[in-house]
N, C-alpha and C. Protein backbone atom coordinates (compact mmCIF):
# COMPACT_ATOMS: atom_id res chain seq x y z
N MET A 1 0.79 -1.17 -0.05
CA MET A 1 -0.04 0.04 -0.05
C MET A 1 0.79 1.26 0.06
N ARG A 2 0.48 2.27 -0.92
CA ARG A 2 1.21 3.47 -0.79
C ARG A 2 0.69 4.57 0.22
N TYR A 3 1.50 5.07 0.94
CA TYR A 3 1.12 6.17 2.05
C TYR A 3 1.38 7.46 1.43
N SER A 4 0.82 8.46 1.73
CA SER A 4 1.20 9.92 1.35
C SER A 4 2.21 10.17 2.30
N SER A 5 2.88 11.43 1.73
CA SER A 5 4.08 11.81 2.71
C SER A 5 3.50 12.40 3.84
N GLY A 6 2.50 12.99 3.62
CA GLY A 6 1.80 13.80 4.98
C GLY A 6 1.30 12.69 6.04
N MET A 7 0.83 11.56 5.53
CA MET A 7 0.76 10.47 6.50
C MET A 7 1.97 9.82 7.25
N LYS A 8 2.88 9.80 6.28
CA LYS A 8 4.21 9.10 6.88
C LYS A 8 4.79 10.24 7.89
N ALA A 9 4.70 11.60 7.68
CA ALA A 9 5.32 12.65 8.30
C ALA A 9 4.40 12.60 9.63
N ALA A 10 3.11 12.40 9.75
CA ALA A 10 2.31 12.62 11.02
C ALA A 10 2.62 11.28 11.68
N ILE A 11 2.89 10.27 11.25
CA ILE A 11 3.29 9.03 11.91
C ILE A 11 4.61 9.21 12.60
N ILE A 12 5.67 9.70 11.67
CA ILE A 12 6.90 10.10 12.31
C ILE A 12 6.88 10.98 13.47
N LYS A 13 6.14 11.94 13.37
CA LYS A 13 5.92 13.08 14.44
C LYS A 13 5.51 12.43 15.78
N ARG A 14 4.58 11.47 15.52
CA ARG A 14 4.01 10.83 16.77
C ARG A 14 4.82 9.81 17.49
N ILE A 15 5.81 9.34 16.75
CA ILE A 15 6.76 8.30 17.56
C ILE A 15 8.11 9.17 18.07
N LEU A 16 8.37 10.11 17.35
CA LEU A 16 9.57 11.13 17.98
C LEU A 16 9.27 12.02 19.08
N PRO A 17 10.28 12.35 20.02
CA PRO A 17 9.58 13.45 21.10
C PRO A 17 9.31 14.49 20.56
N PRO A 18 8.38 15.41 21.20
CA PRO A 18 8.05 15.03 22.62
C PRO A 18 6.89 14.09 22.56
N ASN A 19 6.29 13.79 21.59
CA ASN A 19 5.03 12.77 21.59
C ASN A 19 5.53 11.47 22.18
N GLY A 20 6.48 10.69 21.46
CA GLY A 20 7.16 9.62 22.10
C GLY A 20 6.22 8.48 22.16
N GLU A 21 5.40 8.31 21.43
CA GLU A 21 4.25 7.21 21.41
C GLU A 21 5.15 5.95 20.89
N THR A 22 4.81 4.78 21.31
CA THR A 22 5.65 3.60 20.76
C THR A 22 5.09 3.26 19.31
N ILE A 23 6.15 2.51 18.63
CA ILE A 23 6.04 2.29 17.23
C ILE A 23 4.69 1.30 17.31
N SER A 24 4.69 0.32 18.11
CA SER A 24 3.67 -0.79 18.11
C SER A 24 2.31 -0.11 18.36
N GLU A 25 2.43 0.86 19.24
CA GLU A 25 0.95 1.56 19.41
C GLU A 25 0.52 2.29 18.56
N VAL A 26 1.41 3.01 17.68
CA VAL A 26 1.02 3.86 16.51
C VAL A 26 0.62 2.75 15.28
N SER A 27 1.46 1.66 15.26
CA SER A 27 0.99 0.74 14.40
C SER A 27 -0.37 0.18 14.63
N ARG A 28 -0.58 -0.26 15.65
CA ARG A 28 -2.00 -0.79 16.09
C ARG A 28 -3.19 0.44 15.47
N GLU A 29 -2.70 1.68 15.96
CA GLU A 29 -3.99 2.58 15.82
C GLU A 29 -4.04 2.99 14.09
N THR A 30 -2.96 2.99 13.53
CA THR A 30 -3.03 3.40 12.18
C THR A 30 -3.05 2.19 11.08
N GLY A 31 -2.92 0.99 11.63
CA GLY A 31 -2.89 0.19 10.65
C GLY A 31 -1.74 -0.28 9.88
N VAL A 32 -0.41 0.62 9.98
CA VAL A 32 0.69 0.55 9.18
C VAL A 32 1.62 -0.51 10.09
N ALA A 33 2.32 -1.44 9.23
CA ALA A 33 3.25 -2.21 9.80
C ALA A 33 4.29 -1.56 10.59
N THR A 34 4.63 -2.27 11.81
CA THR A 34 5.81 -1.80 12.53
C THR A 34 7.07 -1.71 11.54
N ALA A 35 7.36 -2.71 10.79
CA ALA A 35 8.55 -2.74 10.03
C ALA A 35 8.55 -1.38 9.04
N THR A 36 7.43 -1.19 8.56
CA THR A 36 7.35 0.17 7.80
C THR A 36 7.54 1.37 8.31
N ILE A 37 7.11 1.38 9.63
CA ILE A 37 7.35 2.56 10.47
C ILE A 37 8.76 2.71 10.97
N HIS A 38 9.47 1.58 11.28
CA HIS A 38 10.94 1.77 11.48
C HIS A 38 11.69 2.16 10.22
N TYR A 39 11.34 1.71 9.03
CA TYR A 39 11.93 2.11 7.86
C TYR A 39 11.71 3.57 7.59
N TRP A 40 10.61 4.06 7.79
CA TRP A 40 10.45 5.57 7.78
C TRP A 40 11.04 6.27 8.77
N LYS A 41 11.30 5.75 10.11
CA LYS A 41 11.85 6.45 10.88
C LYS A 41 13.60 6.41 10.54
N LYS A 42 14.06 5.48 9.99
CA LYS A 42 15.45 5.38 9.35
C LYS A 42 15.58 6.22 8.35
N GLN A 43 14.68 6.49 7.52
CA GLN A 43 14.49 7.42 6.25
C GLN A 43 14.71 8.66 6.84
N ALA A 44 13.90 9.05 7.80
CA ALA A 44 13.82 10.30 8.25
C ALA A 44 15.11 10.65 9.08
N ALA A 45 15.65 9.80 9.69
CA ALA A 45 17.16 10.08 10.65
C ALA A 45 18.20 10.43 9.37
N GLU A 46 18.09 9.71 8.25
CA GLU A 46 19.10 9.88 7.12
C GLU A 46 18.84 11.16 6.34
N GLY A 47 17.51 11.61 6.64
CA GLY A 47 17.30 12.84 5.77
C GLY A 47 16.70 12.53 4.44
N MET A 48 16.36 11.07 4.29
CA MET A 48 15.88 10.77 2.87
C MET A 48 14.43 10.79 2.80
N LEU A 49 13.83 11.07 3.93
CA LEU A 49 11.99 11.13 4.21
C LEU A 49 11.88 12.74 4.25
N ASP A 50 11.01 13.38 3.04
CA ASP A 50 10.65 14.75 3.45
C ASP A 50 9.51 14.79 4.42
N LEU A 51 9.65 15.48 5.60
CA LEU A 51 8.67 15.42 6.46
C LEU A 51 7.88 16.68 6.33
N GLY A 52 8.23 17.55 5.85
CA GLY A 52 7.63 18.70 5.41
C GLY A 52 7.05 19.31 6.84
N ASP A 53 5.86 19.65 6.74
CA ASP A 53 5.36 20.20 8.24
C ASP A 53 4.41 19.24 8.81
N GLY A 54 4.35 17.99 8.10
CA GLY A 54 3.66 16.89 8.84
C GLY A 54 2.23 16.95 8.75
N GLU A 55 1.70 18.07 8.18
CA GLU A 55 0.05 18.22 8.00
C GLU A 55 -0.21 17.65 6.67
N VAL A 56 -1.23 17.26 6.68
CA VAL A 56 -1.84 16.81 5.30
C VAL A 56 -3.27 17.23 5.38
N ARG A 57 -3.79 17.97 4.18
CA ARG A 57 -5.07 18.35 4.33
C ARG A 57 -6.07 17.34 4.14
N PRO A 58 -7.22 17.13 5.04
CA PRO A 58 -8.08 16.16 4.81
C PRO A 58 -8.60 15.76 3.59
N ARG A 59 -8.91 16.56 2.75
CA ARG A 59 -9.10 16.25 1.34
C ARG A 59 -8.04 15.61 0.38
N ASP A 60 -7.03 15.77 0.90
CA ASP A 60 -5.78 14.99 0.30
C ASP A 60 -5.56 13.65 0.70
N ARG A 61 -6.12 13.07 1.67
CA ARG A 61 -5.92 11.65 2.00
C ARG A 61 -6.50 10.57 1.11
N SER A 62 -5.75 9.66 1.07
CA SER A 62 -6.41 8.39 0.34
C SER A 62 -7.49 7.84 0.98
N PRO A 63 -8.24 7.07 0.29
CA PRO A 63 -9.32 6.32 0.80
C PRO A 63 -8.93 5.43 1.98
N GLY A 64 -7.88 4.84 1.62
CA GLY A 64 -7.16 3.81 2.86
C GLY A 64 -7.09 4.73 4.15
N GLU A 65 -6.48 5.90 4.02
CA GLU A 65 -6.13 6.60 5.21
C GLU A 65 -7.49 7.11 5.84
N LYS A 66 -8.41 7.44 4.95
CA LYS A 66 -9.72 8.03 5.55
C LYS A 66 -10.30 6.79 6.10
N PHE A 67 -10.30 5.63 5.55
CA PHE A 67 -11.08 4.65 6.30
C PHE A 67 -10.19 4.21 7.52
N THR A 68 -8.84 4.25 7.50
CA THR A 68 -8.32 3.96 8.97
C THR A 68 -8.52 4.97 9.98
N LEU A 69 -8.59 6.07 9.50
CA LEU A 69 -8.94 7.30 10.48
C LEU A 69 -10.43 7.14 11.06
N LEU A 70 -11.49 6.66 10.10
CA LEU A 70 -12.56 6.39 10.62
C LEU A 70 -12.66 5.46 11.55
N LEU A 71 -12.01 4.17 11.36
CA LEU A 71 -12.07 2.97 12.41
C LEU A 71 -11.40 3.50 13.65
N GLU A 72 -10.29 4.40 13.41
CA GLU A 72 -9.56 4.90 14.79
C GLU A 72 -10.47 5.95 15.58
N SER A 73 -11.31 6.58 14.75
CA SER A 73 -12.03 7.59 15.45
C SER A 73 -13.30 6.86 16.46
N LYS A 74 -13.74 5.96 15.82
CA LYS A 74 -14.76 5.11 16.67
C LYS A 74 -14.18 4.25 17.78
N SER A 75 -12.77 4.27 17.90
CA SER A 75 -12.28 3.66 19.31
C SER A 75 -12.04 4.93 20.18
N VAL A 76 -12.18 5.89 19.93
CA VAL A 76 -11.91 6.88 20.96
C VAL A 76 -12.96 7.52 21.58
N ASP A 77 -13.00 7.56 22.91
CA ASP A 77 -14.14 8.04 23.76
C ASP A 77 -14.56 9.32 23.63
N GLY A 78 -15.66 9.78 23.87
CA GLY A 78 -16.29 11.08 23.83
C GLY A 78 -15.34 12.30 24.33
N GLU A 79 -14.82 12.10 25.47
CA GLU A 79 -14.05 13.16 25.98
C GLU A 79 -12.63 13.42 25.33
N ARG A 80 -12.13 12.22 24.93
CA ARG A 80 -10.72 12.50 24.20
C ARG A 80 -10.94 12.76 22.68
N HIS A 81 -12.42 12.65 22.13
CA HIS A 81 -12.56 12.83 20.72
C HIS A 81 -11.98 13.88 20.32
N GLY A 82 -12.29 15.25 20.82
CA GLY A 82 -11.89 16.60 20.29
C GLY A 82 -10.14 16.58 20.00
N GLU A 83 -9.55 16.01 21.35
CA GLU A 83 -8.22 16.14 21.18
C GLU A 83 -7.65 15.21 20.19
N TRP A 84 -8.40 14.10 20.05
CA TRP A 84 -7.78 13.25 18.98
C TRP A 84 -7.93 13.92 17.27
N LEU A 85 -9.05 14.56 17.39
CA LEU A 85 -9.30 15.35 15.98
C LEU A 85 -8.20 16.20 15.73
N ARG A 86 -8.01 17.20 16.92
CA ARG A 86 -7.11 18.17 16.67
C ARG A 86 -5.57 17.46 16.38
N SER A 87 -5.23 16.25 17.01
CA SER A 87 -3.85 15.87 16.92
C SER A 87 -3.81 15.30 15.49
N ARG A 88 -4.90 15.07 14.71
CA ARG A 88 -5.04 14.60 13.40
C ARG A 88 -5.18 15.64 12.27
N GLY A 89 -5.54 16.79 12.72
CA GLY A 89 -5.75 18.05 11.92
C GLY A 89 -7.01 17.84 11.23
N LEU A 90 -7.94 17.41 11.92
CA LEU A 90 -9.30 17.15 11.37
C LEU A 90 -10.28 18.09 12.32
N HIS A 91 -11.63 18.13 11.62
CA HIS A 91 -12.80 18.65 12.05
C HIS A 91 -13.89 17.65 12.41
N THR A 92 -14.82 17.84 13.11
CA THR A 92 -15.82 16.91 13.20
C THR A 92 -16.57 16.70 11.98
N GLU A 93 -16.77 17.73 11.09
CA GLU A 93 -17.56 17.36 9.94
C GLU A 93 -16.86 16.53 8.72
N HIS A 94 -15.52 16.37 9.02
CA HIS A 94 -14.64 15.39 8.03
C HIS A 94 -15.16 14.08 8.17
N LEU A 95 -15.34 13.43 9.19
CA LEU A 95 -15.70 12.19 9.48
C LEU A 95 -16.95 11.59 8.92
N PRO A 96 -18.38 12.29 8.95
CA PRO A 96 -19.37 12.07 8.42
C PRO A 96 -19.25 11.88 6.89
N LEU A 97 -18.37 13.00 6.51
CA LEU A 97 -18.46 13.33 4.97
C LEU A 97 -17.48 12.10 4.31
N TRP A 98 -16.40 11.61 5.06
CA TRP A 98 -15.58 10.55 4.66
C TRP A 98 -16.35 9.34 4.52
N GLU A 99 -17.22 8.92 5.65
CA GLU A 99 -18.14 7.93 5.57
C GLU A 99 -18.82 7.78 4.56
N GLN A 100 -19.59 8.95 4.27
CA GLN A 100 -20.34 8.88 2.98
C GLN A 100 -19.68 8.67 1.77
N GLU A 101 -18.49 9.22 1.79
CA GLU A 101 -17.54 9.18 0.43
C GLU A 101 -17.15 7.53 0.37
N LEU A 102 -16.94 6.77 1.48
CA LEU A 102 -16.44 5.44 1.43
C LEU A 102 -17.60 4.58 1.06
N ARG A 103 -18.75 5.11 1.64
CA ARG A 103 -20.00 4.15 1.30
C ARG A 103 -20.27 4.42 -0.28
N GLU A 104 -20.13 5.58 -0.90
CA GLU A 104 -20.33 5.68 -2.24
C GLU A 104 -19.40 4.89 -2.98
N ILE A 105 -18.17 4.89 -2.64
CA ILE A 105 -16.92 3.96 -3.21
C ILE A 105 -17.35 2.51 -3.48
N VAL A 106 -17.91 2.08 -2.13
CA VAL A 106 -18.25 0.55 -2.17
C VAL A 106 -19.74 0.48 -2.99
N SER A 107 -20.51 1.23 -2.95
CA SER A 107 -21.58 1.02 -3.86
C SER A 107 -21.27 1.11 -5.08
N ASP A 108 -20.58 1.84 -5.64
CA ASP A 108 -20.28 2.24 -7.07
C ASP A 108 -19.30 0.82 -7.39
N LYS A 109 -18.62 0.19 -6.56
CA LYS A 109 -17.84 -0.93 -6.82
C LYS A 109 -18.74 -2.01 -6.84
N GLU A 110 -19.73 -2.23 -6.01
CA GLU A 110 -20.77 -3.41 -6.12
C GLU A 110 -21.72 -3.28 -7.35
N LYS A 111 -22.09 -1.92 -7.51
CA LYS A 111 -22.79 -1.55 -9.00
C LYS A 111 -21.93 -2.13 -10.36
N LYS A 112 -20.62 -1.74 -10.16
CA LYS A 112 -19.72 -2.24 -11.23
C LYS A 112 -19.64 -3.73 -11.33
N GLN A 113 -19.62 -4.49 -10.21
CA GLN A 113 -19.50 -5.79 -10.16
C GLN A 113 -20.87 -6.47 -10.60
N ARG A 114 -21.82 -5.97 -10.29
CA ARG A 114 -23.16 -6.23 -10.74
C ARG A 114 -23.46 -6.31 -12.21
N GLU A 115 -22.83 -5.18 -12.82
CA GLU A 115 -23.00 -5.04 -14.20
C GLU A 115 -21.97 -5.83 -14.82
N GLU A 116 -20.91 -6.12 -14.37
CA GLU A 116 -19.90 -7.08 -14.91
C GLU A 116 -20.42 -8.42 -15.02
N LEU A 117 -20.96 -8.72 -13.79
CA LEU A 117 -21.44 -10.06 -13.71
C LEU A 117 -22.60 -10.44 -14.78
N ALA A 118 -23.76 -9.27 -14.91
CA ALA A 118 -24.60 -9.45 -15.93
C ALA A 118 -24.03 -9.74 -17.04
N GLU A 119 -23.09 -8.97 -17.60
CA GLU A 119 -22.31 -9.24 -18.94
C GLU A 119 -21.78 -10.38 -19.01
N LEU A 120 -20.97 -10.97 -18.05
CA LEU A 120 -20.33 -12.29 -18.24
C LEU A 120 -21.65 -13.32 -18.37
N LYS A 121 -22.72 -13.15 -17.73
CA LYS A 121 -23.84 -14.26 -17.74
C LYS A 121 -24.39 -14.07 -19.09
N ARG A 122 -24.39 -12.84 -19.59
CA ARG A 122 -25.02 -12.59 -21.02
C ARG A 122 -24.12 -13.39 -22.11
N LYS A 123 -22.67 -13.15 -21.82
CA LYS A 123 -21.78 -13.86 -22.77
C LYS A 123 -21.78 -15.09 -22.59
N ASN A 124 -21.87 -15.84 -21.37
CA ASN A 124 -21.86 -17.18 -21.20
C ASN A 124 -22.96 -17.90 -21.85
N LYS A 125 -24.24 -17.15 -21.87
CA LYS A 125 -25.41 -17.77 -22.62
C LYS A 125 -25.09 -17.71 -23.91
N GLU A 126 -24.61 -16.69 -24.65
CA GLU A 126 -24.16 -16.69 -26.15
C GLU A 126 -23.29 -17.90 -26.41
N LEU A 127 -22.37 -18.03 -25.61
CA LEU A 127 -21.38 -19.05 -26.10
C LEU A 127 -21.87 -20.33 -25.76
N GLU A 128 -22.82 -20.60 -24.69
CA GLU A 128 -23.44 -21.96 -24.52
C GLU A 128 -24.35 -22.18 -25.98
N LYS A 129 -25.10 -21.28 -26.45
CA LYS A 129 -25.88 -21.31 -27.51
C LYS A 129 -25.09 -21.74 -28.86
N GLU A 130 -23.92 -20.96 -28.90
CA GLU A 130 -23.15 -21.16 -30.10
C GLU A 130 -22.55 -22.82 -29.86
N LEU A 131 -22.21 -23.06 -28.74
CA LEU A 131 -21.49 -24.40 -28.60
C LEU A 131 -22.51 -25.50 -28.96
N GLN A 132 -24.00 -25.39 -28.42
CA GLN A 132 -24.94 -26.24 -28.81
C GLN A 132 -25.13 -26.20 -30.40
N ARG A 133 -25.09 -25.13 -30.99
CA ARG A 133 -25.28 -25.05 -32.47
C ARG A 133 -24.10 -25.86 -33.11
N LYS A 134 -22.98 -25.73 -32.63
CA LYS A 134 -21.80 -26.40 -33.18
C LYS A 134 -21.90 -27.86 -33.04
N ASP A 135 -22.48 -28.16 -31.89
CA ASP A 135 -22.60 -29.67 -31.37
C ASP A 135 -23.60 -30.26 -32.36
N LYS A 136 -24.59 -29.50 -32.70
CA LYS A 136 -25.63 -30.18 -33.58
C LYS A 136 -24.84 -30.35 -35.03
N ALA A 137 -24.25 -29.42 -35.47
CA ALA A 137 -23.63 -29.34 -36.69
C ALA A 137 -22.47 -30.58 -36.75
N LEU A 138 -21.83 -30.68 -35.83
CA LEU A 138 -20.90 -31.79 -35.71
C LEU A 138 -21.42 -33.08 -35.66
N ALA A 139 -22.72 -33.26 -34.97
CA ALA A 139 -23.43 -34.48 -34.94
C ALA A 139 -24.01 -34.90 -36.40
N GLU A 140 -24.40 -33.95 -36.98
CA GLU A 140 -24.98 -33.94 -38.36
C GLU A 140 -23.92 -34.45 -39.33
N THR A 141 -22.59 -33.71 -39.24
CA THR A 141 -21.57 -34.25 -40.17
C THR A 141 -21.21 -35.55 -39.78
N ALA A 142 -21.34 -36.06 -38.58
CA ALA A 142 -20.76 -37.45 -38.20
C ALA A 142 -21.65 -38.43 -38.83
N ALA A 143 -23.11 -37.93 -38.73
CA ALA A 143 -24.07 -38.87 -39.21
C ALA A 143 -23.96 -39.00 -40.65
N LEU A 144 -23.63 -38.00 -41.45
CA LEU A 144 -23.61 -37.85 -42.88
C LEU A 144 -22.23 -38.98 -43.29
N LEU A 145 -21.24 -38.86 -42.72
CA LEU A 145 -20.11 -39.79 -42.69
C LEU A 145 -20.33 -41.20 -42.62
N VAL A 146 -21.12 -41.47 -41.59
CA VAL A 146 -21.47 -43.03 -41.22
C VAL A 146 -22.33 -43.36 -42.41
N LEU A 147 -23.40 -42.55 -42.72
CA LEU A 147 -24.39 -43.10 -43.90
C LEU A 147 -23.50 -43.29 -45.25
N LYS A 148 -22.52 -42.32 -45.37
CA LYS A 148 -21.73 -42.35 -46.70
C LYS A 148 -20.87 -43.79 -46.47
N LYS A 149 -20.21 -44.04 -45.41
CA LYS A 149 -19.58 -45.23 -45.34
C LYS A 149 -20.53 -46.51 -45.55
N LYS A 150 -21.68 -46.51 -45.00
CA LYS A 150 -22.53 -47.63 -45.23
C LYS A 150 -22.99 -47.74 -46.66
N ALA A 151 -23.36 -46.72 -47.21
CA ALA A 151 -23.80 -46.78 -48.64
C ALA A 151 -22.73 -47.31 -49.61
N GLU A 152 -21.37 -46.98 -49.13
CA GLU A 152 -20.43 -47.33 -49.92
C GLU A 152 -19.97 -48.93 -49.63
N ALA A 153 -20.20 -49.29 -48.39
CA ALA A 153 -20.07 -50.80 -48.08
C ALA A 153 -21.36 -51.46 -48.78
N ILE A 154 -22.32 -50.79 -48.85
CA ILE A 154 -23.71 -51.66 -49.56
C ILE A 154 -23.50 -51.70 -51.08
N TRP A 155 -23.32 -50.65 -51.77
CA TRP A 155 -23.43 -50.58 -53.00
C TRP A 155 -21.94 -50.30 -53.82
N GLY A 156 -20.87 -50.34 -52.86
CA GLY A 156 -19.64 -50.29 -53.31
C GLY A 156 -19.02 -49.10 -53.80
N ASP A 157 -18.12 -48.76 -54.14
CA ASP A 157 -17.30 -47.30 -54.13
C ASP A 157 -17.77 -46.86 -55.46
N ASP A 158 -18.32 -45.81 -55.82
CA ASP A 158 -18.84 -45.41 -56.92
C ASP A 158 -18.10 -44.32 -57.83
N GLU A 159 -16.87 -44.37 -57.56
CA GLU A 159 -15.81 -43.31 -57.94
C GLU A 159 -15.67 -43.75 -59.62
N GLU A 160 -15.52 -42.86 -60.42
CA GLU A 160 -15.25 -43.02 -61.79
C GLU A 160 -13.67 -42.74 -61.93
N ASP A 161 -13.09 -43.88 -62.49
CA ASP A 161 -11.64 -43.54 -62.71
C ASP A 161 -11.18 -43.13 -64.13
């Protein structure tokens, strides 16, 4: 999975001082593998990872990040919810909008799959119909060959030399 540079920066910011959250804790909350976070930390230390300001605009987040943040938001209790939103650079209106956006993505995908299934069924039906037609033609040809051989056996070869 590809992560935006903003998400990488936000995760690195969480594990470095003064926040100092553990990598396993951040991994559990975000769904990013601990090895990946270790790799990002190493890149940041070597100056190979552009941390920027660490903030990514809510609309620039990938659907995967939005889904992760939605799931994470469900686990935060009411008293800490505001603090959690501020630490992620979000507002309360982002979560319902993202939820609706993700629902639309899923429903569009389901609709596309239904259309694809209908097209495949139609094509399968056409192919089965063609196969039956060809089976009939093959059976007819086989019957004609058998009759020809029997006629030759009964009346002899009728070829003129």
